[in-house]
C-alpha atoms as a PDB file:
ATOM      1  CA  MET A   1       0.000   0.000   0.000  1.00  0.00           C
ATOM      2  CA  THR A   2       1.327   3.453  -0.912  1.00  0.00           C
ATOM      3  CA  LEU A   3       0.690   6.172   1.671  1.00  0.00           C
ATOM      4  CA  SER A   4       0.334   9.758   0.536  1.00  0.00           C
ATOM      5  CA  ASN A   5       2.420  12.509   2.093  1.00  0.00           C
ATOM      6  CA  SER A   6       0.051  15.237   0.929  1.00  0.00           C
ATOM      7  CA  ARG A   7      -1.040  17.629   3.678  1.00  0.00           C
ATOM      8  CA  PHE A   8      -4.267  19.416   4.463  1.00  0.00           C
ATOM      9  CA  ASP A   9      -4.227  23.214   4.776  1.00  0.00           C
ATOM     10  CA  TYR A  10      -6.599  23.438   7.738  1.00  0.00           C
ATOM     11  CA  ALA A  11      -4.077  25.349   9.849  1.00  0.00           C
ATOM     12  CA  GLU A  12      -3.592  28.012   7.190  1.00  0.00           C
ATOM     13  CA  ALA A  13      -7.349  28.295   6.826  1.00  0.00           C
ATOM     14  CA  THR A  14      -7.867  28.814  10.545  1.00  0.00           C
ATOM     15  CA  GLY A  15      -4.792  30.937  11.169  1.00  0.00           C
ATOM     16  CA  SER A  16      -4.182  28.892  14.277  1.00  0.00           C
ATOM     17  CA  GLY A  17      -0.365  29.076  14.225  1.00  0.00           C
ATOM     18  CA  VAL A  18      -0.115  25.292  14.182  1.00  0.00           C
ATOM     19  CA  GLU A  19       0.055  22.819  11.347  1.00  0.00           C
ATOM     20  CA  VAL A  20      -1.080  19.333  10.573  1.00  0.00           C
ATOM     21  CA  ALA A  21       1.874  17.164  11.498  1.00  0.00           C
ATOM     22  CA  ALA A  22       0.487  13.636  11.164  1.00  0.00           C
ATOM     23  CA  HIS A  23      -2.233  11.831   9.269  1.00  0.00           C
ATOM     24  CA  VAL A  24      -3.912   8.746  10.661  1.00  0.00           C
ATOM     25  CA  TYR A  25      -4.836   6.359   7.861  1.00  0.00           C
ATOM     26  CA  ARG A  26      -7.470   3.668   7.794  1.00  0.00           C
ATOM     27  CA  GLY A  27      -6.456   1.729   4.742  1.00  0.00           C
ATOM     28  CA  GLU A  28      -5.638   4.477   2.235  1.00  0.00           C
ATOM     29  CA  THR A  29      -8.152   6.944   3.655  1.00  0.00           C
ATOM     30  CA  VAL A  30      -7.146   9.752   5.994  1.00  0.00           C
ATOM     31  CA  GLU A  31      -9.315   9.125   9.031  1.00  0.00           C
ATOM     32  CA  SER A  32      -7.857  11.616  11.533  1.00  0.00           C
ATOM     33  CA  LEU A  33      -5.361  14.468  11.780  1.00  0.00           C
ATOM     34  CA  HIS A  34      -2.989  15.631  14.489  1.00  0.00           C
ATOM     35  CA  TYR A  35      -1.834  19.251  14.663  1.00  0.00           C
ATOM     36  CA  ALA A  36       1.484  20.086  16.268  1.00  0.00           C
ATOM     37  CA  ALA A  37       4.020  22.785  16.993  1.00  0.00           C
ATOM     38  CA  ILE A  38       7.771  22.068  16.966  1.00  0.00           C
ATOM     39  CA  ALA A  39      10.815  24.152  17.907  1.00  0.00           C
ATOM     40  CA  VAL A  40      14.468  23.302  17.221  1.00  0.00           C
ATOM     41  CA  VAL A  41      17.327  25.427  18.572  1.00  0.00           C
ATOM     42  CA  ASP A  42      21.091  25.397  18.133  1.00  0.00           C
ATOM     43  CA  ALA A  43      23.884  25.660  20.713  1.00  0.00           C
ATOM     44  CA  SER A  44      23.281  29.402  21.096  1.00  0.00           C
ATOM     45  CA  GLY A  45      19.567  28.875  21.726  1.00  0.00           C
ATOM     46  CA  ALA A  46      18.625  30.401  18.377  1.00  0.00           C
ATOM     47  CA  LEU A  47      15.679  28.913  16.502  1.00  0.00           C
ATOM     48  CA  THR A  48      16.839  26.939  13.459  1.00  0.00           C
ATOM     49  CA  HIS A  49      13.763  24.912  12.449  1.00  0.00           C
ATOM     50  CA  TYR A  50      10.099  24.943  13.338  1.00  0.00           C
ATOM     51  CA  VAL A  51       6.606  23.784  12.561  1.00  0.00           C
ATOM     52  CA  GLY A  52       3.606  25.907  13.494  1.00  0.00           C
ATOM     53  CA  ASP A  53       4.229  28.504  16.182  1.00  0.00           C
ATOM     54  CA  PRO A  54       7.474  27.792  18.092  1.00  0.00           C
ATOM     55  CA  THR A  55       6.607  30.515  20.614  1.00  0.00           C
ATOM     56  CA  MET A  56       3.213  29.161  21.645  1.00  0.00           C
ATOM     57  CA  MET A  57       2.678  28.932  25.404  1.00  0.00           C
ATOM     58  CA  THR A  58       2.894  25.271  26.344  1.00  0.00           C
ATOM     59  CA  ALA A  59       2.074  23.440  29.562  1.00  0.00           C
ATOM     60  CA  THR A  60       5.336  21.559  29.916  1.00  0.00           C
ATOM     61  CA  ARG A  61       4.000  18.912  32.306  1.00  0.00           C
ATOM     62  CA  SER A  62       6.580  16.257  33.227  1.00  0.00           C
ATOM     63  CA  SER A  63       9.040  17.218  30.496  1.00  0.00           C
ATOM     64  CA  VAL A  64      10.694  19.693  32.905  1.00  0.00           C
ATOM     65  CA  LYS A  65      11.444  17.140  35.635  1.00  0.00           C
ATOM     66  CA  PRO A  66      15.212  17.241  34.954  1.00  0.00           C
ATOM     67  CA  PHE A  67      15.137  21.015  35.513  1.00  0.00           C
ATOM     68  CA  GLN A  68      13.003  20.609  38.629  1.00  0.00           C
ATOM     69  CA  ALA A  69      15.805  18.429  40.023  1.00  0.00           C
ATOM     70  CA  LEU A  70      18.449  21.150  39.674  1.00  0.00           C
ATOM     71  CA  PRO A  71      17.929  22.688  43.158  1.00  0.00           C
ATOM     72  CA  LEU A  72      18.259  19.266  44.777  1.00  0.00           C
ATOM     73  CA  VAL A  73      21.732  18.860  43.299  1.00  0.00           C
ATOM     74  CA  LYS A  74      22.893  22.480  43.315  1.00  0.00           C
ATOM     75  CA  SER A  75      21.905  23.025  46.953  1.00  0.00           C
ATOM     76  CA  GLY A  76      24.066  20.158  48.177  1.00  0.00           C
ATOM     77  CA  ALA A  77      21.073  18.055  49.256  1.00  0.00           C
ATOM     78  CA  ALA A  78      21.916  15.254  46.813  1.00  0.00           C
ATOM     79  CA  ASP A  79      25.396  15.038  48.299  1.00  0.00           C
ATOM     80  CA  ARG A  80      24.119  15.267  51.863  1.00  0.00           C
ATOM     81  CA  TYR A  81      21.935  12.215  51.286  1.00  0.00           C
ATOM     82  CA  GLY A  82      24.448  10.361  49.123  1.00  0.00           C
ATOM     83  CA  LEU A  83      22.132  10.095  46.122  1.00  0.00           C
ATOM     84  CA  THR A  84      23.509   7.883  43.348  1.00  0.00           C
ATOM     85  CA  PRO A  85      23.142   8.438  39.584  1.00  0.00           C
ATOM     86  CA  LYS A  86      20.434   5.760  39.503  1.00  0.00           C
ATOM     87  CA  GLN A  87      18.498   7.578  42.210  1.00  0.00           C
ATOM     88  CA  LEU A  88      18.891  10.918  40.427  1.00  0.00           C
ATOM     89  CA  ALA A  89      17.587   9.332  37.224  1.00  0.00           C
ATOM     90  CA  VAL A  90      14.394   8.154  38.925  1.00  0.00           C
ATOM     91  CA  ILE A  91      13.947  11.629  40.432  1.00  0.00           C
ATOM     92  CA  CYS A  92      13.830  12.926  36.824  1.00  0.00           C
ATOM     93  CA  ALA A  93      11.454  10.167  35.742  1.00  0.00           C
ATOM     94  CA  SER A  94       7.936   9.490  34.648  1.00  0.00           C
ATOM     95  CA  HIS A  95       8.634   5.872  35.429  1.00  0.00           C
ATOM     96  CA  ASN A  96       6.692   2.698  34.773  1.00  0.00           C
ATOM     97  CA  GLY A  97       6.262   1.775  38.420  1.00  0.00           C
ATOM     98  CA  SER A  98       8.092  -1.531  38.027  1.00  0.00           C
ATOM     99  CA  ASP A  99       9.546  -3.303  41.066  1.00  0.00           C
ATOM    100  CA  GLU A 100      12.950  -1.783  40.264  1.00  0.00           C
ATOM    101  CA  HIS A 101      11.479   1.698  40.026  1.00  0.00           C
ATOM    102  CA  ARG A 102       9.625   1.206  43.287  1.00  0.00           C
ATOM    103  CA  ASP A 103      12.719  -0.026  45.108  1.00  0.00           C
ATOM    104  CA  THR A 104      14.760   2.897  43.838  1.00  0.00           C
ATOM    105  CA  VAL A 105      12.179   5.480  44.900  1.00  0.00           C
ATOM    106  CA  LEU A 106      11.984   3.838  48.324  1.00  0.00           C
ATOM    107  CA  SER A 107      15.752   4.162  48.618  1.00  0.00           C
ATOM    108  CA  VAL A 108      15.517   7.906  47.846  1.00  0.00           C
ATOM    109  CA  LEU A 109      12.834   8.350  50.482  1.00  0.00           C
ATOM    110  CA  GLU A 110      14.894   6.466  53.041  1.00  0.00           C
ATOM    111  CA  ALA A 111      18.043   8.420  52.243  1.00  0.00           C
ATOM    112  CA  GLY A 112      16.220  11.681  52.943  1.00  0.00           C
ATOM    113  CA  GLY A 113      14.621  10.449  56.150  1.00  0.00           C
ATOM    114  CA  ASN A 114      11.166  10.264  54.555  1.00  0.00           C
ATOM    115  CA  ASP A 115       8.645   7.496  53.971  1.00  0.00           C
ATOM    116  CA  PRO A 116       5.882   6.614  51.458  1.00  0.00           C
ATOM    117  CA  SER A 117       3.126   8.078  53.631  1.00  0.00           C
ATOM    118  CA  MET A 118       4.533  11.539  52.915  1.00  0.00           C
ATOM    119  CA  LEU A 119       4.100  11.262  49.140  1.00  0.00           C
ATOM    120  CA  GLN A 120       1.329  13.521  47.838  1.00  0.00           C
ATOM    121  CA  CYS A 121       1.387  12.339  44.221  1.00  0.00           C
ATOM    122  CA  GLY A 122      -1.683  10.106  44.480  1.00  0.00           C
ATOM    123  CA  THR A 123      -2.021   6.631  43.002  1.00  0.00           C
ATOM    124  CA  HIS A 124      -2.870   5.030  39.660  1.00  0.00           C
ATOM    125  CA  TRP A 125      -2.692   1.780  37.753  1.00  0.00           C
ATOM    126  CA  PRO A 126       1.074   1.458  37.207  1.00  0.00           C
ATOM    127  CA  LEU A 127       2.245   2.072  33.650  1.00  0.00           C
ATOM    128  CA  GLN A 128       4.280  -1.134  33.667  1.00  0.00           C
ATOM    129  CA  MET A 129       1.139  -3.171  34.298  1.00  0.00           C
ATOM    130  CA  ARG A 130      -0.835  -1.306  31.636  1.00  0.00           C
ATOM    131  CA  LEU A 131       1.863  -1.765  29.019  1.00  0.00           C
ATOM    132  CA  PHE A 132       2.127  -5.493  29.712  1.00  0.00           C
ATOM    133  CA  ASN A 133      -1.645  -6.039  30.076  1.00  0.00           C
ATOM    134  CA  GLU A 134      -1.349  -6.946  33.730  1.00  0.00           C
ATOM    135  CA  TYR A 135      -3.904  -6.127  36.394  1.00  0.00           C
ATOM    136  CA  PRO A 136      -3.274  -5.174  40.028  1.00  0.00           C
ATOM    137  CA  GLN A 137      -3.314  -8.228  42.252  1.00  0.00           C
ATOM    138  CA  ALA A 138      -1.739  -6.859  45.415  1.00  0.00           C
ATOM    139  CA  GLY A 139      -2.853  -3.234  45.642  1.00  0.00           C
ATOM    140  CA  GLU A 140      -0.285  -1.919  43.179  1.00  0.00           C
ATOM    141  CA  ASP A 141      -2.804   0.686  41.998  1.00  0.00           C
ATOM    142  CA  ASP A 142      -3.106   2.025  45.563  1.00  0.00           C
ATOM    143  CA  ASP A 143       0.654   2.356  46.067  1.00  0.00           C
ATOM    144  CA  PRO A 144       1.913   5.954  45.696  1.00  0.00           C
ATOM    145  CA  VAL A 145       5.480   4.691  45.265  1.00  0.00           C
ATOM    146  CA  ARG A 146       4.425   3.133  41.950  1.00  0.00           C
ATOM    147  CA  HIS A 147       2.972   6.445  40.726  1.00  0.00           C
ATOM    148  CA  ASN A 148       4.965   7.592  37.706  1.00  0.00           C
ATOM    149  CA  CYS A 149       5.887  10.863  39.473  1.00  0.00           C
ATOM    150  CA  SER A 150       6.918   9.366  42.812  1.00  0.00           C
ATOM    151  CA  GLY A 151      10.605   9.831  42.006  1.00  0.00           C
ATOM    152  CA  LYS A 152      10.177  13.572  41.540  1.00  0.00           C
ATOM    153  CA  HIS A 153       8.188  13.780  44.766  1.00  0.00           C
ATOM    154  CA  SER A 154      10.841  11.836  46.669  1.00  0.00           C
ATOM    155  CA  GLY A 155      13.340  14.426  45.425  1.00  0.00           C
ATOM    156  CA  PHE A 156      11.105  17.295  46.541  1.00  0.00           C
ATOM    157  CA  LEU A 157      10.818  15.704  49.978  1.00  0.00           C
ATOM    158  CA  ALA A 158      14.600  15.283  50.232  1.00  0.00           C
ATOM    159  CA  LEU A 159      15.155  18.928  49.306  1.00  0.00           C
ATOM    160  CA  THR A 160      12.491  20.055  51.798  1.00  0.00           C
ATOM    161  CA  ARG A 161      14.108  18.001  54.548  1.00  0.00           C
ATOM    162  CA  PHE A 162      17.522  19.485  53.647  1.00  0.00           C
ATOM    163  CA  LEU A 163      16.115  23.041  53.784  1.00  0.00           C
ATOM    164  CA  GLY A 164      14.444  22.397  57.126  1.00  0.00           C
ATOM    165  CA  GLY A 165      10.989  23.005  55.719  1.00  0.00           C
ATOM    166  CA  ALA A 166       7.669  21.415  56.623  1.00  0.00           C
ATOM    167  CA  VAL A 167       7.475  18.164  54.660  1.00  0.00           C
ATOM    168  CA  GLU A 168       3.676  18.221  54.725  1.00  0.00           C
ATOM    169  CA  SER A 169       3.803  21.470  52.707  1.00  0.00           C
ATOM    170  CA  TYR A 170       6.408  20.418  50.135  1.00  0.00           C
ATOM    171  CA  LEU A 171       4.012  20.974  47.210  1.00  0.00           C
ATOM    172  CA  GLU A 172       2.804  24.415  48.290  1.00  0.00           C
ATOM    173  CA  LYS A 173       3.798  26.838  45.529  1.00  0.00           C
ATOM    174  CA  ASP A 174       5.024  29.368  48.114  1.00  0.00           C
ATOM    175  CA  SER A 175       7.211  26.858  49.963  1.00  0.00           C
ATOM    176  CA  GLU A 176      10.975  27.295  49.788  1.00  0.00           C
ATOM    177  CA  THR A 177      11.252  24.055  47.835  1.00  0.00           C
ATOM    178  CA  GLN A 178       8.824  25.104  45.123  1.00  0.00           C
ATOM    179  CA  ARG A 179      10.201  28.643  45.014  1.00  0.00           C
ATOM    180  CA  LEU A 180      13.646  27.247  44.241  1.00  0.00           C
ATOM    181  CA  VAL A 181      12.192  24.819  41.692  1.00  0.00           C
ATOM    182  CA  ARG A 182      10.280  27.557  39.876  1.00  0.00           C
ATOM    183  CA  GLU A 183      13.325  29.822  39.753  1.00  0.00           C
ATOM    184  CA  ALA A 184      15.489  26.984  38.458  1.00  0.00           C
ATOM    185  CA  VAL A 185      13.048  25.972  35.703  1.00  0.00           C
ATOM    186  CA  GLY A 186      12.576  29.525  34.469  1.00  0.00           C
ATOM    187  CA  ARG A 187      16.240  30.483  34.639  1.00  0.00           C
ATOM    188  CA  TYR A 188      17.426  27.291  32.981  1.00  0.00           C
ATOM    189  CA  CYS A 189      14.928  27.578  30.132  1.00  0.00           C
ATOM    190  CA  GLU A 190      15.761  31.288  29.763  1.00  0.00           C
ATOM    191  CA  TYR A 191      12.273  32.480  30.631  1.00  0.00           C
ATOM    192  CA  GLU A 192      11.629  34.873  33.504  1.00  0.00           C
ATOM    193  CA  PRO A 193      10.373  32.782  36.443  1.00  0.00           C
ATOM    194  CA  GLU A 194       7.668  35.295  37.307  1.00  0.00           C
ATOM    195  CA  LYS A 195       6.261  34.955  33.791  1.00  0.00           C
ATOM    196  CA  LEU A 196       5.904  31.177  34.017  1.00  0.00           C
ATOM    197  CA  GLY A 197       2.328  30.001  34.004  1.00  0.00           C
ATOM    198  CA  VAL A 198       1.730  27.994  37.176  1.00  0.00           C
ATOM    199  CA  ALA A 199      -1.032  25.403  37.561  1.00  0.00           C
ATOM    200  CA  ILE A 200      -1.535  22.004  39.211  1.00  0.00           C
ATOM    201  CA  ASP A 201      -0.117  18.925  37.514  1.00  0.00           C
ATOM    202  CA  GLY A 202      -1.682  15.472  37.473  1.00  0.00           C
ATOM    203  CA  CYS A 203       0.508  14.530  40.441  1.00  0.00           C
ATOM    204  CA  SER A 204      -0.596  17.680  42.367  1.00  0.00           C
ATOM    205  CA  ALA A 205       2.792  19.412  42.052  1.00  0.00           C
ATOM    206  CA  PRO A 206       3.076  22.900  40.536  1.00  0.00           C
ATOM    207  CA  VAL A 207       3.405  22.688  36.754  1.00  0.00           C
ATOM    208  CA  PHE A 208       4.767  25.403  34.485  1.00  0.00           C
ATOM    209  CA  SER A 209       3.855  26.879  31.102  1.00  0.00           C
ATOM    210  CA  MET A 210       6.364  28.622  28.831  1.00  0.00           C
ATOM    211  CA  PRO A 211       6.938  29.220  25.111  1.00  0.00           C
ATOM    212  CA  LEU A 212       7.826  26.010  23.301  1.00  0.00           C
ATOM    213  CA  ILE A 213      11.153  27.436  22.129  1.00  0.00           C
ATOM    214  CA  ASN A 214      12.227  27.935  25.741  1.00  0.00           C
ATOM    215  CA  LEU A 215      11.611  24.275  26.496  1.00  0.00           C
ATOM    216  CA  ALA A 216      13.853  23.411  23.529  1.00  0.00           C
ATOM    217  CA  ARG A 217      16.533  25.753  24.923  1.00  0.00           C
ATOM    218  CA  GLY A 218      16.405  23.996  28.270  1.00  0.00           C
ATOM    219  CA  PHE A 219      16.992  20.604  26.669  1.00  0.00           C
ATOM    220  CA  GLN A 220      19.859  21.872  24.537  1.00  0.00           C
ATOM    221  CA  LYS A 221      21.541  23.238  27.667  1.00  0.00           C
ATOM    222  CA  LEU A 222      20.926  20.042  29.617  1.00  0.00           C
ATOM    223  CA  ALA A 223      22.559  17.958  26.889  1.00  0.00           C
ATOM    224  CA  ALA A 224      25.521  20.356  26.929  1.00  0.00           C
ATOM    225  CA  GLY A 225      25.751  20.442  30.716  1.00  0.00           C
ATOM    226  CA  ALA A 226      25.434  24.231  30.546  1.00  0.00           C
ATOM    227  CA  GLY A 227      24.456  26.651  33.302  1.00  0.00           C
ATOM    228  CA  VAL A 228      24.729  30.224  34.512  1.00  0.00           C
ATOM    229  CA  ASP A 229      27.599  29.378  36.872  1.00  0.00           C
ATOM    230  CA  GLU A 230      29.914  26.502  37.776  1.00  0.00           C
ATOM    231  CA  ALA A 231      27.508  25.107  40.362  1.00  0.00           C
ATOM    232  CA  GLU A 232      24.643  24.958  37.893  1.00  0.00           C
ATOM    233  CA  GLN A 233      26.868  23.497  35.198  1.00  0.00           C
ATOM    234  CA  ALA A 234      27.983  20.770  37.594  1.00  0.00           C
ATOM    235  CA  ALA A 235      24.374  20.047  38.601  1.00  0.00           C
ATOM    236  CA  ALA A 236      23.166  19.898  34.993  1.00  0.00           C
ATOM    237  CA  THR A 237      26.049  17.639  33.990  1.00  0.00           C
ATOM    238  CA  ARG A 238      25.351  15.329  36.892  1.00  0.00           C
ATOM    239  CA  ILE A 239      21.656  15.088  36.012  1.00  0.00           C
ATOM    240  CA  ARG A 240      22.407  14.548  32.313  1.00  0.00           C
ATOM    241  CA  ASP A 241      24.929  11.822  33.060  1.00  0.00           C
ATOM    242  CA  ALA A 242      22.510  10.086  35.431  1.00  0.00           C
ATOM    243  CA  MET A 243      19.761  10.065  32.805  1.00  0.00           C
ATOM    244  CA  CYS A 244      22.150   8.752  30.160  1.00  0.00           C
ATOM    245  CA  ALA A 245      23.575   6.073  32.445  1.00  0.00           C
ATOM    246  CA  HIS A 246      20.175   4.815  33.645  1.00  0.00           C
ATOM    247  CA  PRO A 247      17.619   5.515  30.900  1.00  0.00           C
ATOM    248  CA  ILE A 248      15.326   2.724  32.054  1.00  0.00           C
ATOM    249  CA  MET A 249      14.931   4.604  35.337  1.00  0.00           C
ATOM    250  CA  VAL A 250      13.722   7.698  33.445  1.00  0.00           C
ATOM    251  CA  SER A 251      10.811   5.830  31.866  1.00  0.00           C
ATOM    252  CA  GLY A 252      10.870   2.063  31.362  1.00  0.00           C
ATOM    253  CA  GLU A 253      10.288  -0.749  28.943  1.00  0.00           C
ATOM    254  CA  ARG A 254       8.079  -0.095  25.896  1.00  0.00           C
ATOM    255  CA  ARG A 255       8.519   3.664  26.305  1.00  0.00           C
ATOM    256  CA  PHE A 256       9.844   6.093  23.691  1.00  0.00           C
ATOM    257  CA  ASP A 257      12.201   7.936  26.059  1.00  0.00           C
ATOM    258  CA  TYR A 258      13.932   4.693  26.961  1.00  0.00           C
ATOM    259  CA  ASP A 259      14.101   3.444  23.388  1.00  0.00           C
ATOM    260  CA  LEU A 260      15.508   6.734  22.098  1.00  0.00           C
ATOM    261  CA  ALA A 261      18.099   6.960  24.874  1.00  0.00           C
ATOM    262  CA  ARG A 262      19.363   3.416  24.310  1.00  0.00           C
ATOM    263  CA  SER A 263      19.420   4.010  20.545  1.00  0.00           C
ATOM    264  CA  MET A 264      21.900   6.865  21.041  1.00  0.00           C
ATOM    265  CA  PRO A 265      23.708   6.006  24.289  1.00  0.00           C
ATOM    266  CA  GLY A 266      25.376   8.960  25.949  1.00  0.00           C
ATOM    267  CA  ARG A 267      24.293  11.251  23.127  1.00  0.00           C
ATOM    268  CA  VAL A 268      20.747  12.267  24.019  1.00  0.00           C
ATOM    269  CA  VAL A 269      18.597  13.344  26.946  1.00  0.00           C
ATOM    270  CA  CYS A 270      14.859  13.120  26.471  1.00  0.00           C
ATOM    271  CA  LYS A 271      11.799  13.534  28.634  1.00  0.00           C
ATOM    272  CA  VAL A 272       8.144  13.137  27.836  1.00  0.00           C
ATOM    273  CA  GLY A 273       5.338  15.222  29.276  1.00  0.00           C
ATOM    274  CA  ALA A 274       1.635  14.446  29.534  1.00  0.00           C
ATOM    275  CA  GLU A 275      -0.687  15.696  26.803  1.00  0.00           C
ATOM    276  CA  ALA A 276       1.877  14.879  24.121  1.00  0.00           C
ATOM    277  CA  VAL A 277       4.871  17.040  25.034  1.00  0.00           C
ATOM    278  CA  GLN A 278       8.371  15.811  24.200  1.00  0.00           C
ATOM    279  CA  GLY A 279      11.727  17.410  24.989  1.00  0.00           C
ATOM    280  CA  ILE A 280      14.954  16.160  23.392  1.00  0.00           C
ATOM    281  CA  GLY A 281      18.516  17.406  23.784  1.00  0.00           C
ATOM    282  CA  LEU A 282      21.393  16.173  21.624  1.00  0.00           C
ATOM    283  CA  VAL A 283      24.993  16.299  22.749  1.00  0.00           C
ATOM    284  CA  ASP A 284      26.263  16.055  19.162  1.00  0.00           C
ATOM    285  CA  PRO A 285      25.112  17.931  17.197  1.00  0.00           C
ATOM    286  CA  PRO A 286      24.301  20.400  20.007  1.00  0.00           C
ATOM    287  CA  ILE A 287      20.588  21.005  19.495  1.00  0.00           C
ATOM    288  CA  GLY A 288      17.393  21.140  21.508  1.00  0.00           C
ATOM    289  CA  ILE A 289      13.978  19.987  20.319  1.00  0.00           C
ATOM    290  CA  ALA A 290      10.518  20.523  21.764  1.00  0.00           C
ATOM    291  CA  VAL A 291       7.350  18.949  20.357  1.00  0.00           C
ATOM    292  CA  LYS A 292       3.736  19.556  21.331  1.00  0.00           C
ATOM    293  CA  VAL A 293       0.812  17.715  19.715  1.00  0.00           C
ATOM    294  CA  LEU A 294      -2.095  20.092  20.116  1.00  0.00           C
ATOM    295  CA  ASP A 295      -4.828  17.554  20.830  1.00  0.00           C
ATOM    296  CA  GLY A 296      -2.679  15.765  23.415  1.00  0.00           C
ATOM    297  CA  GLY A 297      -2.591  12.677  21.197  1.00  0.00           C
ATOM    298  CA  THR A 298       0.313  10.597  22.426  1.00  0.00           C
ATOM    299  CA  ARG A 299      -0.053   8.183  19.519  1.00  0.00           C
ATOM    300  CA  ALA A 300       1.239  10.933  17.208  1.00  0.00           C
ATOM    301  CA  ARG A 301       3.924  12.361  19.506  1.00  0.00           C
ATOM    302  CA  ASP A 302       6.493   9.583  19.090  1.00  0.00           C
ATOM    303  CA  PRO A 303       6.350   9.186  15.274  1.00  0.00           C
ATOM    304  CA  ILE A 304       6.492  12.985  14.948  1.00  0.00           C
ATOM    305  CA  SER A 305       9.592  13.034  17.170  1.00  0.00           C
ATOM    306  CA  VAL A 306      11.272  10.345  15.053  1.00  0.00           C
ATOM    307  CA  GLU A 307      10.461  12.297  11.896  1.00  0.00           C
ATOM    308  CA  VAL A 308      12.020  15.462  13.363  1.00  0.00           C
ATOM    309  CA  LEU A 309      15.222  13.520  13.989  1.00  0.00           C
ATOM    310  CA  ARG A 310      15.109  12.135  10.450  1.00  0.00           C
ATOM    311  CA  GLN A 311      14.652  15.557   8.851  1.00  0.00           C
ATOM    312  CA  LEU A 312      17.490  16.976  10.943  1.00  0.00           C
ATOM    313  CA  GLY A 313      19.782  14.199   9.715  1.00  0.00           C
ATOM    314  CA  ILE A 314      20.158  12.593  13.148  1.00  0.00           C
ATOM    315  CA  ILE A 315      18.477   9.457  11.843  1.00  0.00           C
ATOM    316  CA  ASP A 316      19.283   8.285   8.318  1.00  0.00           C
ATOM    317  CA  LYS A 317      18.184   4.685   7.920  1.00  0.00           C
ATOM    318  CA  ILE A 318      15.625   3.624  10.501  1.00  0.00           C
ATOM    319  CA  GLU A 319      16.972   0.078  10.134  1.00  0.00           C
ATOM    320  CA  ASP A 320      20.095   1.286  11.946  1.00  0.00           C
ATOM    321  CA  PHE A 321      17.938   2.124  14.975  1.00  0.00           C
ATOM    322  CA  PRO A 322      16.033  -1.083  15.745  1.00  0.00           C
ATOM    323  CA  TYR A 323      14.601   0.217  19.032  1.00  0.00           C
ATOM    324  CA  LEU A 324      12.928   3.066  17.116  1.00  0.00           C
ATOM    325  CA  LYS A 325      11.469   1.094  14.210  1.00  0.00           C
ATOM    326  CA  GLY A 326       8.148   0.615  15.956  1.00  0.00           C
ATOM    327  CA  TYR A 327       7.697   4.389  16.236  1.00  0.00           C
ATOM    328  CA  ASP A 328       8.358   5.030  12.549  1.00  0.00           C
ATOM    329  CA  ARG A 329       4.988   5.235  10.788  1.00  0.00           C
ATOM    330  CA  PRO A 330       3.546   2.873  13.410  1.00  0.00           C
ATOM    331  CA  GLU A 331       0.967   0.325  12.445  1.00  0.00           C
ATOM    332  CA  ILE A 332      -2.578   0.416  13.786  1.00  0.00           C
ATOM    333  CA  ARG A 333      -4.174  -2.948  14.404  1.00  0.00           C
ATOM    334  CA  ASN A 334      -7.641  -3.976  15.538  1.00  0.00           C
ATOM    335  CA  TYR A 335      -8.692  -6.338  18.303  1.00  0.00           C
ATOM    336  CA  ARG A 336      -7.933  -9.327  16.063  1.00  0.00           C
ATOM    337  CA  LYS A 337      -4.479  -7.915  15.364  1.00  0.00           C
ATOM    338  CA  LEU A 338      -5.388  -7.195  11.751  1.00  0.00           C
ATOM    339  CA  LEU A 339      -3.555  -4.270  10.165  1.00  0.00           C
ATOM    340  CA  THR A 340      -6.021  -1.411   9.675  1.00  0.00           C
ATOM    341  CA  GLY A 341      -3.782   1.589   9.033  1.00  0.00           C
ATOM    342  CA  HIS A 342      -0.763   3.693   9.956  1.00  0.00           C
ATOM    343  CA  ILE A 343       0.176   6.958  11.638  1.00  0.00           C
ATOM    344  CA  VAL A 344       2.186   8.978   9.128  1.00  0.00           C
ATOM    345  CA  PRO A 345       4.065  12.232   9.881  1.00  0.00           C
ATOM    346  CA  THR A 346       3.353  14.656   7.033  1.00  0.00           C
ATOM    347  CA  PHE A 347       5.110  17.878   8.020  1.00  0.00           C
ATOM    348  CA  THR A 348       8.240  19.513   6.688  1.00  0.00           C
ATOM    349  CA  LEU A 349      10.482  21.426   9.077  1.00  0.00           C
ATOM    350  CA  LYS A 350      10.804  25.068   8.089  1.00  0.00           C
ATOM    351  CA  ARG A 351      14.111  26.892   8.417  1.00  0.00           C
ATOM    352  CA  ALA A 352      14.036  29.924  10.676  1.00  0.00           C
END
């Protein structure tokens, strides 16, 4: 079957500042469309390529977790509690909630003198069980340590304990912990902290909105281990190296972040966010990428991200990246496993 790469001009017609980035085919018929905005920056933070509006305000969700971890490292708390690279990686994670993830989060809590009862992230059916079609048999869906954000929360608790704050208030936006986190996220992404949009994330922590291009700048800097001073550079480098050394801690099996990281070991940092946000930083070439699918459709986010890497020349032959093949024009199958269609990226990166 031959799939068309023709694109619809709905975005131009609506003047929405976004473009159709992927077609969903049923057979040879376009059944659905996904709009997206994309920003790519170089080592100086300058925009080089884009789709749609690269300056659109974007709720970054969990994509900024590596930046939220900066105060933990820069303050000396990570050293005080002897946190290992594996533990730092899970602090930056939206993890699957596997047994290994759970054990690692528990070790972070213990190191900081905290316990699972202090976690305010809530509970859900662990991603690991969903991805492997397993159902909770022993209360896994009521265990906050298996929540995909429990690593971040364990880091917040450790920082709060280090600062001498009230652990029961560690998520309050006016707490010292969250003040430092907000300042770090804004400064690192080169967006004034007081201009950040602040709302409540799915895990109840403060979540930030910023222009998409600023998210791309943050990921470029993280990949480079850059910062405003030596302390921030050291913290960013430490976080980057932890994520690269333990990519399975950052997400888990059958997850795009993990598959991309192990496809380019030591060369990329990547972090997904809910509602189809993706941040990617490359060490070589030194670039940052931010993707947002406007309808929050995660099924389109990963093939769009692969296509960005292809158009930038990072990926040539997909056959050379076996862990990514399943994200390249992914198949859609029905309940009998019959092939019904594909998800096909249909955008072309524009040069800035």
